[in-house]
């Protein structure tokens, strides 16, 4: 790929702007040599304004989503994309969230521009576990764990029972729930079906990948080892 197109696809600016950036000497290699538009330099050896380029297509990002941000660009208010550098919103192919967390749910949220990887994570065949820490309005009754694990629980307006889910009781109104599927507002609807109400919800892990060490609103680009953790490796 020509250097101008590469930079534009990474969201650094339009092709016209990148042509000007190259003429201005803002694009160089690691030895400090200015690059021309037809340079054949390897991606990892290119610097833009003395900083390494963002990863090429195939990037996967983990965000520790704060409350109050939405995942859909159709929604009003603050978007999860606002927590990433502005240029990430201009990448081609575009970054998409892998699944969603609603406005009132915090925690682990993945982004990628790799459609194959996205579908692998969300595919029902993969059964990637997702772990949630839950705070409830009222104490649990003690029947929730058996009900959630039964594989027979039905949610309102649905015709297919939920897959078995594991509930770990952390306190009289606090729990950790592990799901192996991702239905609309599933955690909230499961507890609502037991007569309770979720007051605080955070996704702490996707597979074995967690948000440990990431501040709220913090994000990181995943290594191959990190990505393997999503599938339990």
C-alpha atoms as a PDB file:
ATOM      1  CA  UNK A   1       0.000   0.000   0.000  1.00  0.00           C
ATOM      2  CA  UNK A   2       1.291   3.482  -0.867  1.00  0.00           C
ATOM      3  CA  UNK A   3       2.372   5.535   2.115  1.00  0.00           C
ATOM      4  CA  UNK A   4      -0.241   8.255   1.524  1.00  0.00           C
ATOM      5  CA  UNK A   5      -3.089   5.723   1.457  1.00  0.00           C
ATOM      6  CA  UNK A   6      -1.718   3.863   4.493  1.00  0.00           C
ATOM      7  CA  UNK A   7      -1.640   7.029   6.593  1.00  0.00           C
ATOM      8  CA  UNK A   8      -5.100   8.082   5.431  1.00  0.00           C
ATOM      9  CA  UNK A   9      -6.539   4.639   6.201  1.00  0.00           C
ATOM     10  CA  UNK A  10      -5.082   4.854   9.719  1.00  0.00           C
ATOM     11  CA  UNK A  11      -7.036   8.065  10.242  1.00  0.00           C
ATOM     12  CA  UNK A  12      -4.174  10.544  10.401  1.00  0.00           C
ATOM     13  CA  UNK A  13      -5.915  12.746   7.824  1.00  0.00           C
ATOM     14  CA  UNK A  14      -7.127  12.891   4.248  1.00  0.00           C
ATOM     15  CA  UNK A  15      -4.887  11.775   1.393  1.00  0.00           C
ATOM     16  CA  UNK A  16      -4.315  15.426   0.487  1.00  0.00           C
ATOM     17  CA  UNK A  17      -3.314  16.192   4.068  1.00  0.00           C
ATOM     18  CA  UNK A  18      -0.980  13.184   4.158  1.00  0.00           C
ATOM     19  CA  UNK A  19       0.684  14.251   0.925  1.00  0.00           C
ATOM     20  CA  UNK A  20       1.373  17.595   2.580  1.00  0.00           C
ATOM     21  CA  UNK A  21       2.604  15.890   5.776  1.00  0.00           C
ATOM     22  CA  UNK A  22       5.111  13.878   3.726  1.00  0.00           C
ATOM     23  CA  UNK A  23       6.278  17.026   1.913  1.00  0.00           C
ATOM     24  CA  UNK A  24       6.682  18.741   5.298  1.00  0.00           C
ATOM     25  CA  UNK A  25       8.944  15.931   6.499  1.00  0.00           C
ATOM     26  CA  UNK A  26       6.622  14.739   9.245  1.00  0.00           C
ATOM     27  CA  UNK A  27       6.925  11.088   8.141  1.00  0.00           C
ATOM     28  CA  UNK A  28      10.256   9.336   8.680  1.00  0.00           C
ATOM     29  CA  UNK A  29      11.850   5.986   9.429  1.00  0.00           C
ATOM     30  CA  UNK A  30      13.416   4.988  12.734  1.00  0.00           C
ATOM     31  CA  UNK A  31      16.785   6.342  11.601  1.00  0.00           C
ATOM     32  CA  UNK A  32      15.266   9.784  11.106  1.00  0.00           C
ATOM     33  CA  UNK A  33      15.276   9.678   7.305  1.00  0.00           C
ATOM     34  CA  UNK A  34      12.364  11.539   5.729  1.00  0.00           C
ATOM     35  CA  UNK A  35      10.154   9.237   3.690  1.00  0.00           C
ATOM     36  CA  UNK A  36       8.714   9.897   0.257  1.00  0.00           C
ATOM     37  CA  UNK A  37       5.248   8.971  -0.911  1.00  0.00           C
ATOM     38  CA  UNK A  38       6.522   5.881  -2.746  1.00  0.00           C
ATOM     39  CA  UNK A  39       8.570   4.575   0.216  1.00  0.00           C
ATOM     40  CA  UNK A  40       8.553   0.804   0.764  1.00  0.00           C
ATOM     41  CA  UNK A  41       9.419   1.027   4.488  1.00  0.00           C
ATOM     42  CA  UNK A  42       7.877  -1.615   6.782  1.00  0.00           C
ATOM     43  CA  UNK A  43       4.882  -0.462   8.809  1.00  0.00           C
ATOM     44  CA  UNK A  44       6.629  -0.957  12.149  1.00  0.00           C
ATOM     45  CA  UNK A  45       9.560   1.218  11.035  1.00  0.00           C
ATOM     46  CA  UNK A  46       7.493   4.260  10.048  1.00  0.00           C
ATOM     47  CA  UNK A  47       7.180   7.267  12.372  1.00  0.00           C
ATOM     48  CA  UNK A  48       4.572  10.002  12.090  1.00  0.00           C
ATOM     49  CA  UNK A  49       5.619  13.190  13.866  1.00  0.00           C
ATOM     50  CA  UNK A  50       8.351  11.112  15.580  1.00  0.00           C
ATOM     51  CA  UNK A  51       5.822   8.586  16.962  1.00  0.00           C
ATOM     52  CA  UNK A  52       5.345   4.964  15.790  1.00  0.00           C
ATOM     53  CA  UNK A  53       2.345   4.395  13.558  1.00  0.00           C
ATOM     54  CA  UNK A  54      -0.844   2.964  14.995  1.00  0.00           C
ATOM     55  CA  UNK A  55      -1.272  -0.770  14.304  1.00  0.00           C
ATOM     56  CA  UNK A  56      -2.283  -1.876  10.831  1.00  0.00           C
ATOM     57  CA  UNK A  57      -5.642  -3.453  10.015  1.00  0.00           C
ATOM     58  CA  UNK A  58      -6.406  -6.291  12.409  1.00  0.00           C
ATOM     59  CA  UNK A  59      -6.082  -4.228  15.576  1.00  0.00           C
ATOM     60  CA  UNK A  60      -8.001  -5.283  18.709  1.00  0.00           C
ATOM     61  CA  UNK A  61      -8.448  -2.803  21.556  1.00  0.00           C
ATOM     62  CA  UNK A  62      -9.625  -3.335  25.131  1.00  0.00           C
ATOM     63  CA  UNK A  63     -11.370  -0.394  26.823  1.00  0.00           C
ATOM     64  CA  UNK A  64     -12.360  -0.157  30.478  1.00  0.00           C
ATOM     65  CA  UNK A  65     -15.655   1.560  29.729  1.00  0.00           C
ATOM     66  CA  UNK A  66     -16.946   4.073  32.292  1.00  0.00           C
ATOM     67  CA  UNK A  67     -20.607   4.625  33.025  1.00  0.00           C
ATOM     68  CA  UNK A  68     -22.442   7.154  30.900  1.00  0.00           C
ATOM     69  CA  UNK A  69     -21.007   6.195  27.496  1.00  0.00           C
ATOM     70  CA  UNK A  70     -22.949   4.452  24.740  1.00  0.00           C
ATOM     71  CA  UNK A  71     -21.711   2.112  22.004  1.00  0.00           C
ATOM     72  CA  UNK A  72     -23.992   3.064  19.119  1.00  0.00           C
ATOM     73  CA  UNK A  73     -23.188   6.069  16.947  1.00  0.00           C
ATOM     74  CA  UNK A  74     -26.969   6.459  16.530  1.00  0.00           C
ATOM     75  CA  UNK A  75     -27.352   7.294  20.227  1.00  0.00           C
ATOM     76  CA  UNK A  76     -27.215  10.771  21.713  1.00  0.00           C
ATOM     77  CA  UNK A  77     -24.565  11.797  24.222  1.00  0.00           C
ATOM     78  CA  UNK A  78     -21.071  10.544  24.887  1.00  0.00           C
ATOM     79  CA  UNK A  79     -19.792   7.630  22.781  1.00  0.00           C
ATOM     80  CA  UNK A  80     -17.195   5.021  23.695  1.00  0.00           C
ATOM     81  CA  UNK A  81     -15.282   6.113  20.572  1.00  0.00           C
ATOM     82  CA  UNK A  82     -14.700   9.495  22.252  1.00  0.00           C
ATOM     83  CA  UNK A  83     -12.361   7.739  24.699  1.00  0.00           C
ATOM     84  CA  UNK A  84      -9.974   6.753  21.882  1.00  0.00           C
ATOM     85  CA  UNK A  85      -7.761   9.139  19.882  1.00  0.00           C
ATOM     86  CA  UNK A  86      -9.797  11.086  17.315  1.00  0.00           C
ATOM     87  CA  UNK A  87      -7.981   9.465  14.392  1.00  0.00           C
ATOM     88  CA  UNK A  88      -9.251   6.005  15.434  1.00  0.00           C
ATOM     89  CA  UNK A  89     -12.745   7.074  14.375  1.00  0.00           C
ATOM     90  CA  UNK A  90     -11.408   7.778  10.871  1.00  0.00           C
ATOM     91  CA  UNK A  91      -9.742   4.405  10.290  1.00  0.00           C
ATOM     92  CA  UNK A  92     -10.594   2.338   7.204  1.00  0.00           C
ATOM     93  CA  UNK A  93     -11.844  -0.316   7.706  1.00  0.00           C
ATOM     94  CA  UNK A  94     -13.772   1.257  10.580  1.00  0.00           C
ATOM     95  CA  UNK A  95     -13.419   0.195  14.195  1.00  0.00           C
ATOM     96  CA  UNK A  96     -16.478  -1.547  15.625  1.00  0.00           C
ATOM     97  CA  UNK A  97     -17.294  -2.671  19.129  1.00  0.00           C
ATOM     98  CA  UNK A  98     -17.400  -6.428  19.675  1.00  0.00           C
ATOM     99  CA  UNK A  99     -20.814  -6.641  21.250  1.00  0.00           C
ATOM    100  CA  UNK A 100     -22.099  -3.761  23.357  1.00  0.00           C
ATOM    101  CA  UNK A 101     -22.385  -2.508  26.908  1.00  0.00           C
ATOM    102  CA  UNK A 102     -25.321  -0.232  27.662  1.00  0.00           C
ATOM    103  CA  UNK A 103     -24.931   3.283  29.036  1.00  0.00           C
ATOM    104  CA  UNK A 104     -25.310   2.144  32.647  1.00  0.00           C
ATOM    105  CA  UNK A 105     -22.849  -0.756  32.408  1.00  0.00           C
ATOM    106  CA  UNK A 106     -19.093  -0.373  32.843  1.00  0.00           C
ATOM    107  CA  UNK A 107     -16.092  -2.600  32.226  1.00  0.00           C
ATOM    108  CA  UNK A 108     -14.455  -4.659  29.499  1.00  0.00           C
ATOM    109  CA  UNK A 109     -15.356  -3.595  25.955  1.00  0.00           C
ATOM    110  CA  UNK A 110     -13.500  -4.736  22.833  1.00  0.00           C
ATOM    111  CA  UNK A 111     -13.051  -2.942  19.502  1.00  0.00           C
ATOM    112  CA  UNK A 112     -11.678  -4.279  16.225  1.00  0.00           C
ATOM    113  CA  UNK A 113     -11.517  -3.564  12.489  1.00  0.00           C
ATOM    114  CA  UNK A 114     -11.199  -7.293  11.778  1.00  0.00           C
ATOM    115  CA  UNK A 115     -14.595  -8.703  10.855  1.00  0.00           C
ATOM    116  CA  UNK A 116     -13.445 -12.314  11.060  1.00  0.00           C
ATOM    117  CA  UNK A 117     -12.136 -11.848  14.588  1.00  0.00           C
ATOM    118  CA  UNK A 118     -15.308 -10.012  15.635  1.00  0.00           C
ATOM    119  CA  UNK A 119     -17.555 -12.833  14.447  1.00  0.00           C
ATOM    120  CA  UNK A 120     -15.352 -15.435  16.104  1.00  0.00           C
ATOM    121  CA  UNK A 121     -15.770 -13.723  19.476  1.00  0.00           C
ATOM    122  CA  UNK A 122     -19.548 -13.254  19.239  1.00  0.00           C
ATOM    123  CA  UNK A 123     -20.328 -16.571  17.535  1.00  0.00           C
ATOM    124  CA  UNK A 124     -22.560 -18.820  19.670  1.00  0.00           C
ATOM    125  CA  UNK A 125     -20.227 -21.682  18.738  1.00  0.00           C
ATOM    126  CA  UNK A 126     -17.325 -19.986  20.510  1.00  0.00           C
ATOM    127  CA  UNK A 127     -19.248 -19.664  23.804  1.00  0.00           C
ATOM    128  CA  UNK A 128     -16.735 -17.073  25.010  1.00  0.00           C
ATOM    129  CA  UNK A 129     -17.572 -16.571  28.715  1.00  0.00           C
ATOM    130  CA  UNK A 130     -18.298 -13.050  29.907  1.00  0.00           C
ATOM    131  CA  UNK A 131     -18.032 -12.292  33.620  1.00  0.00           C
ATOM    132  CA  UNK A 132     -20.104  -9.589  35.323  1.00  0.00           C
ATOM    133  CA  UNK A 133     -20.007  -8.158  38.835  1.00  0.00           C
ATOM    134  CA  UNK A 134     -23.532  -7.307  39.928  1.00  0.00           C
ATOM    135  CA  UNK A 135     -25.010  -5.218  42.744  1.00  0.00           C
ATOM    136  CA  UNK A 136     -28.710  -5.740  43.429  1.00  0.00           C
ATOM    137  CA  UNK A 137     -31.420  -3.614  44.967  1.00  0.00           C
ATOM    138  CA  UNK A 138     -32.456  -6.354  47.389  1.00  0.00           C
ATOM    139  CA  UNK A 139     -30.904  -9.472  48.950  1.00  0.00           C
ATOM    140  CA  UNK A 140     -31.041 -12.631  46.841  1.00  0.00           C
ATOM    141  CA  UNK A 141     -33.415 -15.421  47.831  1.00  0.00           C
ATOM    142  CA  UNK A 142     -30.925 -18.261  47.434  1.00  0.00           C
ATOM    143  CA  UNK A 143     -32.666 -19.866  44.455  1.00  0.00           C
ATOM    144  CA  UNK A 144     -30.936 -17.815  41.761  1.00  0.00           C
ATOM    145  CA  UNK A 145     -27.834 -19.997  41.229  1.00  0.00           C
ATOM    146  CA  UNK A 146     -29.859 -23.158  40.550  1.00  0.00           C
ATOM    147  CA  UNK A 147     -32.253 -21.330  38.253  1.00  0.00           C
ATOM    148  CA  UNK A 148     -29.487 -19.682  36.220  1.00  0.00           C
ATOM    149  CA  UNK A 149     -27.569 -22.974  35.931  1.00  0.00           C
ATOM    150  CA  UNK A 150     -30.587 -25.031  34.891  1.00  0.00           C
ATOM    151  CA  UNK A 151     -30.505 -24.288  31.186  1.00  0.00           C
ATOM    152  CA  UNK A 152     -34.298 -23.989  31.381  1.00  0.00           C
ATOM    153  CA  UNK A 153     -34.720 -20.329  32.283  1.00  0.00           C
ATOM    154  CA  UNK A 154     -36.881 -18.386  29.859  1.00  0.00           C
ATOM    155  CA  UNK A 155     -36.844 -14.639  29.470  1.00  0.00           C
ATOM    156  CA  UNK A 156     -39.982 -12.680  28.678  1.00  0.00           C
ATOM    157  CA  UNK A 157     -40.840 -12.493  24.954  1.00  0.00           C
ATOM    158  CA  UNK A 158     -38.278 -15.198  24.070  1.00  0.00           C
ATOM    159  CA  UNK A 159     -38.913 -18.755  22.902  1.00  0.00           C
ATOM    160  CA  UNK A 160     -35.496 -20.283  23.558  1.00  0.00           C
ATOM    161  CA  UNK A 161     -34.201 -20.992  27.073  1.00  0.00           C
ATOM    162  CA  UNK A 162     -30.963 -19.429  28.270  1.00  0.00           C
ATOM    163  CA  UNK A 163     -27.764 -21.402  28.268  1.00  0.00           C
ATOM    164  CA  UNK A 164     -26.615 -22.391  31.757  1.00  0.00           C
ATOM    165  CA  UNK A 165     -24.875 -19.546  33.596  1.00  0.00           C
ATOM    166  CA  UNK A 166     -22.770 -19.664  36.741  1.00  0.00           C
ATOM    167  CA  UNK A 167     -23.595 -17.476  39.743  1.00  0.00           C
ATOM    168  CA  UNK A 168     -21.104 -16.833  42.542  1.00  0.00           C
ATOM    169  CA  UNK A 169     -22.621 -15.122  45.566  1.00  0.00           C
ATOM    170  CA  UNK A 170     -20.324 -12.401  46.926  1.00  0.00           C
ATOM    171  CA  UNK A 171     -22.731 -10.961  49.505  1.00  0.00           C
ATOM    172  CA  UNK A 172     -26.428 -10.776  50.227  1.00  0.00           C
ATOM    173  CA  UNK A 173     -26.935  -8.391  47.312  1.00  0.00           C
ATOM    174  CA  UNK A 174     -23.669  -8.812  45.392  1.00  0.00           C
ATOM    175  CA  UNK A 175     -22.828 -11.548  42.899  1.00  0.00           C
ATOM    176  CA  UNK A 176     -20.571 -12.539  40.023  1.00  0.00           C
ATOM    177  CA  UNK A 177     -22.349 -13.977  36.988  1.00  0.00           C
ATOM    178  CA  UNK A 178     -20.686 -15.801  34.086  1.00  0.00           C
ATOM    179  CA  UNK A 179     -22.612 -15.967  30.813  1.00  0.00           C
ATOM    180  CA  UNK A 180     -21.878 -18.026  27.693  1.00  0.00           C
ATOM    181  CA  UNK A 181     -24.101 -16.059  25.336  1.00  0.00           C
ATOM    182  CA  UNK A 182     -25.040 -12.430  24.854  1.00  0.00           C
ATOM    183  CA  UNK A 183     -28.712 -11.559  24.699  1.00  0.00           C
ATOM    184  CA  UNK A 184     -30.152  -8.067  24.950  1.00  0.00           C
ATOM    185  CA  UNK A 185     -29.738  -6.712  28.528  1.00  0.00           C
ATOM    186  CA  UNK A 186     -29.399 -10.330  29.619  1.00  0.00           C
ATOM    187  CA  UNK A 187     -28.006  -9.870  33.133  1.00  0.00           C
ATOM    188  CA  UNK A 188     -30.593  -7.245  34.056  1.00  0.00           C
ATOM    189  CA  UNK A 189     -33.444  -9.323  32.620  1.00  0.00           C
ATOM    190  CA  UNK A 190     -32.306 -12.486  34.414  1.00  0.00           C
ATOM    191  CA  UNK A 191     -32.396 -10.817  37.802  1.00  0.00           C
ATOM    192  CA  UNK A 192     -35.617  -8.992  36.959  1.00  0.00           C
ATOM    193  CA  UNK A 193     -37.177 -12.407  36.327  1.00  0.00           C
ATOM    194  CA  UNK A 194     -36.342 -13.310  39.942  1.00  0.00           C
ATOM    195  CA  UNK A 195     -38.035 -10.152  41.213  1.00  0.00           C
ATOM    196  CA  UNK A 196     -34.842  -8.195  41.784  1.00  0.00           C
ATOM    197  CA  UNK A 197     -33.284  -5.115  40.198  1.00  0.00           C
ATOM    198  CA  UNK A 198     -29.673  -4.547  39.138  1.00  0.00           C
ATOM    199  CA  UNK A 199     -28.357  -1.245  40.496  1.00  0.00           C
ATOM    200  CA  UNK A 200     -24.723  -1.584  39.393  1.00  0.00           C
ATOM    201  CA  UNK A 201     -23.247  -3.738  36.634  1.00  0.00           C
ATOM    202  CA  UNK A 202     -19.690  -4.135  35.395  1.00  0.00           C
ATOM    203  CA  UNK A 203     -18.196  -6.641  32.952  1.00  0.00           C
ATOM    204  CA  UNK A 204     -14.858  -7.658  34.416  1.00  0.00           C
ATOM    205  CA  UNK A 205     -13.685 -10.274  31.912  1.00  0.00           C
ATOM    206  CA  UNK A 206     -14.169 -11.514  28.368  1.00  0.00           C
ATOM    207  CA  UNK A 207     -12.845 -15.058  28.329  1.00  0.00           C
ATOM    208  CA  UNK A 208      -9.778 -14.866  30.556  1.00  0.00           C
ATOM    209  CA  UNK A 209      -9.005 -11.302  29.517  1.00  0.00           C
ATOM    210  CA  UNK A 210      -9.756  -8.754  32.221  1.00  0.00           C
ATOM    211  CA  UNK A 211      -9.470  -5.025  32.804  1.00  0.00           C
ATOM    212  CA  UNK A 212      -7.001  -5.371  35.669  1.00  0.00           C
ATOM    213  CA  UNK A 213      -4.541  -2.482  35.606  1.00  0.00           C
ATOM    214  CA  UNK A 214      -6.696  -0.337  33.318  1.00  0.00           C
ATOM    215  CA  UNK A 215      -8.172   2.798  34.858  1.00  0.00           C
ATOM    216  CA  UNK A 216     -11.750   3.710  33.988  1.00  0.00           C
ATOM    217  CA  UNK A 217     -11.642   5.145  30.493  1.00  0.00           C
ATOM    218  CA  UNK A 218      -8.231   3.568  29.902  1.00  0.00           C
ATOM    219  CA  UNK A 219      -7.519   1.363  26.896  1.00  0.00           C
ATOM    220  CA  UNK A 220      -4.789  -0.771  25.388  1.00  0.00           C
ATOM    221  CA  UNK A 221      -3.957  -2.476  22.114  1.00  0.00           C
ATOM    222  CA  UNK A 222      -4.012  -6.231  22.573  1.00  0.00           C
ATOM    223  CA  UNK A 223      -1.043  -8.444  21.859  1.00  0.00           C
ATOM    224  CA  UNK A 224      -1.444 -11.893  20.319  1.00  0.00           C
ATOM    225  CA  UNK A 225      -1.137 -13.339  23.832  1.00  0.00           C
ATOM    226  CA  UNK A 226      -3.919 -11.039  25.063  1.00  0.00           C
ATOM    227  CA  UNK A 227      -6.177 -12.062  22.191  1.00  0.00           C
ATOM    228  CA  UNK A 228      -5.593 -15.732  22.956  1.00  0.00           C
ATOM    229  CA  UNK A 229      -6.890 -15.141  26.492  1.00  0.00           C
ATOM    230  CA  UNK A 230     -10.306 -14.239  25.066  1.00  0.00           C
ATOM    231  CA  UNK A 231     -10.666 -17.820  23.874  1.00  0.00           C
ATOM    232  CA  UNK A 232      -9.269 -19.337  27.061  1.00  0.00           C
ATOM    233  CA  UNK A 233      -5.745 -20.058  25.839  1.00  0.00           C
END
